[in-house]
N, C-alpha and C. Protein backbone atom coordinates (compact mmCIF):
# COMPACT_ATOMS: atom_id res chain seq x y z
N MET A 1 124.78 97.13 138.93
CA MET A 1 125.32 96.62 137.68
C MET A 1 125.34 97.75 136.66
N ILE A 2 126.52 98.20 136.29
CA ILE A 2 126.67 99.29 135.32
C ILE A 2 127.00 98.68 133.96
N PRO A 3 126.27 99.10 132.92
CA PRO A 3 126.54 98.59 131.58
C PRO A 3 127.95 98.95 131.12
N PRO A 4 128.49 98.23 130.13
CA PRO A 4 129.84 98.50 129.66
C PRO A 4 130.03 99.90 129.08
N GLU A 5 128.95 100.55 128.66
CA GLU A 5 129.09 101.89 128.08
C GLU A 5 129.46 102.93 129.14
N GLY A 6 129.31 102.60 130.41
CA GLY A 6 129.67 103.52 131.47
C GLY A 6 128.52 104.36 131.99
N ARG A 7 127.35 104.23 131.45
CA ARG A 7 126.21 105.01 131.93
C ARG A 7 125.37 104.14 132.86
N PRO A 8 124.64 104.77 133.77
CA PRO A 8 123.83 103.98 134.70
C PRO A 8 122.69 103.26 133.98
N PRO A 9 122.19 102.15 134.54
CA PRO A 9 121.11 101.42 133.87
C PRO A 9 119.82 102.23 133.83
N ASP A 10 119.02 101.95 132.85
CA ASP A 10 117.74 102.62 132.65
C ASP A 10 116.79 102.22 133.77
N ARG A 11 115.98 103.15 134.24
CA ARG A 11 115.03 102.87 135.32
C ARG A 11 114.03 101.79 134.91
N LYS A 12 113.53 101.86 133.67
CA LYS A 12 112.55 100.88 133.22
C LYS A 12 113.18 99.49 133.13
N GLU A 13 114.42 99.44 132.66
CA GLU A 13 115.10 98.15 132.56
C GLU A 13 115.33 97.56 133.95
N THR A 14 115.72 98.38 134.88
CA THR A 14 115.94 97.91 136.25
C THR A 14 114.64 97.38 136.85
N GLU A 15 113.54 98.09 136.63
CA GLU A 15 112.24 97.66 137.14
C GLU A 15 111.80 96.35 136.50
N ALA A 16 112.02 96.20 135.19
CA ALA A 16 111.65 94.96 134.51
C ALA A 16 112.47 93.79 135.03
N ARG A 17 113.76 93.98 135.24
CA ARG A 17 114.60 92.91 135.78
C ARG A 17 114.14 92.52 137.18
N ARG A 18 113.79 93.50 138.00
CA ARG A 18 113.33 93.22 139.35
C ARG A 18 112.04 92.41 139.32
N MET A 19 111.13 92.77 138.42
CA MET A 19 109.86 92.04 138.33
C MET A 19 110.07 90.60 137.86
N LEU A 20 111.02 90.41 136.93
CA LEU A 20 111.28 89.06 136.44
C LEU A 20 111.89 88.17 137.52
N ARG A 21 112.69 88.75 138.40
CA ARG A 21 113.32 87.98 139.48
C ARG A 21 112.40 87.81 140.68
N ALA A 22 111.28 88.53 140.73
CA ALA A 22 110.45 88.59 141.93
C ALA A 22 109.82 87.26 142.30
N GLY A 23 109.42 86.47 141.37
CA GLY A 23 108.77 85.23 141.77
C GLY A 23 107.97 84.61 140.67
N PRO A 24 106.93 83.89 141.05
CA PRO A 24 106.16 83.15 140.04
C PRO A 24 105.49 84.11 139.04
N GLN A 25 105.50 83.68 137.82
CA GLN A 25 104.91 84.47 136.75
C GLN A 25 103.43 84.11 136.61
N PRO A 26 102.62 85.04 136.13
CA PRO A 26 101.19 84.73 135.94
C PRO A 26 101.03 83.67 134.85
N PRO A 27 99.99 82.85 134.97
CA PRO A 27 99.80 81.81 133.95
C PRO A 27 99.44 82.42 132.59
N VAL A 28 99.91 81.78 131.55
CA VAL A 28 99.65 82.22 130.18
C VAL A 28 98.58 81.30 129.60
N PRO A 29 97.56 81.84 128.95
CA PRO A 29 96.53 80.98 128.36
C PRO A 29 97.15 80.02 127.35
N PRO A 30 96.70 78.77 127.34
CA PRO A 30 97.30 77.79 126.43
C PRO A 30 97.04 78.08 124.95
N ASP A 31 96.00 78.84 124.63
CA ASP A 31 95.70 79.13 123.23
C ASP A 31 96.30 80.46 122.77
N LEU A 32 97.17 81.04 123.58
CA LEU A 32 97.76 82.34 123.24
C LEU A 32 98.56 82.30 121.93
N PRO A 33 99.42 81.30 121.69
CA PRO A 33 100.15 81.29 120.42
C PRO A 33 99.23 81.18 119.20
N ALA A 34 98.18 80.39 119.32
CA ALA A 34 97.25 80.26 118.18
C ALA A 34 96.53 81.58 117.92
N ARG A 35 96.09 82.24 118.98
CA ARG A 35 95.41 83.53 118.80
C ARG A 35 96.35 84.57 118.22
N ALA A 36 97.61 84.58 118.69
CA ALA A 36 98.59 85.54 118.17
C ALA A 36 98.87 85.28 116.69
N THR A 37 98.93 84.01 116.30
CA THR A 37 99.17 83.66 114.90
C THR A 37 98.02 84.13 114.02
N VAL A 38 96.79 83.90 114.48
CA VAL A 38 95.62 84.32 113.70
C VAL A 38 95.59 85.84 113.57
N ARG A 39 95.87 86.53 114.66
CA ARG A 39 95.87 88.00 114.62
C ARG A 39 96.98 88.51 113.71
N GLY A 40 98.15 87.90 113.78
CA GLY A 40 99.26 88.31 112.93
C GLY A 40 98.94 88.12 111.46
N ARG A 41 98.31 86.99 111.13
CA ARG A 41 97.94 86.75 109.73
C ARG A 41 96.91 87.77 109.26
N ARG A 42 95.96 88.10 110.14
CA ARG A 42 94.94 89.08 109.79
C ARG A 42 95.57 90.45 109.55
N LEU A 43 96.52 90.85 110.41
CA LEU A 43 97.19 92.14 110.25
C LEU A 43 98.03 92.16 108.97
N LEU A 44 98.69 91.04 108.68
CA LEU A 44 99.50 90.96 107.47
C LEU A 44 98.62 91.06 106.22
N ALA A 45 97.48 90.37 106.24
CA ALA A 45 96.56 90.43 105.10
C ALA A 45 96.03 91.86 104.91
N ARG A 46 95.73 92.52 106.01
CA ARG A 46 95.24 93.91 105.92
C ARG A 46 96.32 94.83 105.36
N ARG A 47 97.55 94.65 105.83
CA ARG A 47 98.66 95.47 105.35
C ARG A 47 98.88 95.25 103.85
N ARG A 48 98.80 93.99 103.41
CA ARG A 48 98.96 93.70 101.98
C ARG A 48 97.85 94.35 101.16
N LEU A 49 96.62 94.26 101.66
CA LEU A 49 95.48 94.86 100.96
C LEU A 49 95.65 96.37 100.83
N LEU A 50 96.06 97.02 101.92
CA LEU A 50 96.26 98.47 101.88
C LEU A 50 97.40 98.84 100.93
N HIS A 51 98.45 98.03 100.92
CA HIS A 51 99.57 98.30 100.02
C HIS A 51 99.13 98.17 98.57
N ARG A 52 98.38 97.12 98.27
CA ARG A 52 97.90 96.94 96.89
C ARG A 52 96.94 98.05 96.49
N ALA A 53 96.07 98.46 97.40
CA ALA A 53 95.14 99.54 97.09
C ALA A 53 95.89 100.86 96.86
N GLY A 54 96.90 101.11 97.67
CA GLY A 54 97.70 102.32 97.48
C GLY A 54 98.46 102.31 96.17
N THR A 55 99.01 101.15 95.82
CA THR A 55 99.72 101.04 94.55
C THR A 55 98.76 101.25 93.38
N LEU A 56 97.58 100.64 93.45
CA LEU A 56 96.59 100.82 92.39
C LEU A 56 96.18 102.28 92.27
N LEU A 57 95.98 102.94 93.39
CA LEU A 57 95.62 104.36 93.37
C LEU A 57 96.72 105.20 92.75
N ALA A 58 97.98 104.91 93.06
CA ALA A 58 99.09 105.66 92.49
C ALA A 58 99.18 105.44 90.98
N VAL A 59 98.98 104.20 90.53
CA VAL A 59 99.02 103.91 89.10
C VAL A 59 97.88 104.63 88.38
N LEU A 60 96.69 104.60 88.96
CA LEU A 60 95.56 105.31 88.35
C LEU A 60 95.80 106.81 88.29
N ALA A 61 96.42 107.37 89.33
CA ALA A 61 96.72 108.80 89.32
C ALA A 61 97.73 109.13 88.21
N LEU A 62 98.74 108.28 88.05
CA LEU A 62 99.71 108.53 86.98
C LEU A 62 99.08 108.40 85.59
N LEU A 63 98.22 107.42 85.41
CA LEU A 63 97.54 107.27 84.13
C LEU A 63 96.64 108.47 83.84
N THR A 64 95.94 108.94 84.87
CA THR A 64 95.08 110.12 84.70
C THR A 64 95.91 111.35 84.34
N LEU A 65 97.05 111.52 84.99
CA LEU A 65 97.92 112.65 84.69
C LEU A 65 98.44 112.56 83.26
N ALA A 66 98.85 111.35 82.84
CA ALA A 66 99.35 111.18 81.47
C ALA A 66 98.25 111.46 80.45
N LEU A 67 97.05 110.99 80.70
CA LEU A 67 95.93 111.23 79.78
C LEU A 67 95.61 112.72 79.70
N TRP A 68 95.56 113.39 80.84
CA TRP A 68 95.29 114.82 80.86
C TRP A 68 96.37 115.58 80.10
N ALA A 69 97.63 115.21 80.34
CA ALA A 69 98.73 115.91 79.67
C ALA A 69 98.68 115.68 78.16
N GLY A 70 98.28 114.49 77.75
CA GLY A 70 98.18 114.23 76.32
C GLY A 70 97.08 115.01 75.66
N VAL A 71 95.99 115.22 76.36
CA VAL A 71 94.85 115.95 75.78
C VAL A 71 95.05 117.46 75.89
N ALA A 72 95.43 117.94 77.05
CA ALA A 72 95.51 119.39 77.29
C ALA A 72 96.80 119.99 76.76
N GLN A 73 97.86 119.23 76.67
CA GLN A 73 99.18 119.70 76.24
C GLN A 73 99.54 121.02 76.92
N PRO A 74 99.73 120.99 78.22
CA PRO A 74 99.98 122.23 78.97
C PRO A 74 101.32 122.88 78.66
N TRP A 75 102.21 122.21 77.96
CA TRP A 75 103.51 122.79 77.63
C TRP A 75 103.42 123.73 76.43
N ARG A 76 102.34 123.69 75.66
CA ARG A 76 102.17 124.59 74.52
C ARG A 76 101.68 125.95 74.98
N PRO A 77 102.05 126.99 74.26
CA PRO A 77 101.53 128.32 74.64
C PRO A 77 100.04 128.39 74.33
N PRO A 78 99.31 129.20 75.07
CA PRO A 78 97.87 129.32 74.82
C PRO A 78 97.62 129.97 73.46
N PRO A 79 96.49 129.68 72.83
CA PRO A 79 96.20 130.27 71.52
C PRO A 79 96.01 131.79 71.65
N ALA A 80 96.30 132.47 70.56
CA ALA A 80 96.17 133.93 70.56
C ALA A 80 94.70 134.31 70.67
N ARG A 81 94.42 135.39 71.35
CA ARG A 81 93.05 135.83 71.56
C ARG A 81 92.56 136.67 70.37
N THR A 82 93.48 137.28 69.67
CA THR A 82 93.11 138.10 68.51
C THR A 82 93.80 137.55 67.27
N THR A 83 93.26 137.85 66.14
CA THR A 83 93.88 137.41 64.89
C THR A 83 95.01 138.38 64.54
N PRO A 84 96.07 137.88 63.97
CA PRO A 84 97.16 138.79 63.61
C PRO A 84 96.73 139.69 62.44
N PRO A 85 97.34 140.85 62.34
CA PRO A 85 96.98 141.75 61.24
C PRO A 85 97.36 141.12 59.89
N VAL A 86 96.50 141.35 58.92
CA VAL A 86 96.73 140.82 57.59
C VAL A 86 97.45 141.88 56.79
N ALA A 87 98.57 141.52 56.24
CA ALA A 87 99.36 142.50 55.44
C ALA A 87 99.21 142.17 53.96
N GLY A 88 99.13 143.17 53.14
CA GLY A 88 99.09 142.99 51.69
C GLY A 88 97.74 142.54 51.18
N TYR A 89 96.69 142.95 51.76
CA TYR A 89 95.37 142.55 51.28
C TYR A 89 94.70 143.64 50.53
């Protein structure tokens, strides 16, 4: 069976199709959907927590940068190290 694209079928796909046609499938535990749902919810909750923590960290970093820039004013030239000469004294 050659796919419509004209290339030969993938070896892994051919092996998977052969295994599916081979015969009886192994029994699936009856509580598998419930366990998968619980695990999925746990992974989703963890992903949300990490996303919120990352967002909070980014906001804190931006606030820290803004506070530092307001205090240090790095765009201004540094103060002169010597006093300018006094003329007319």
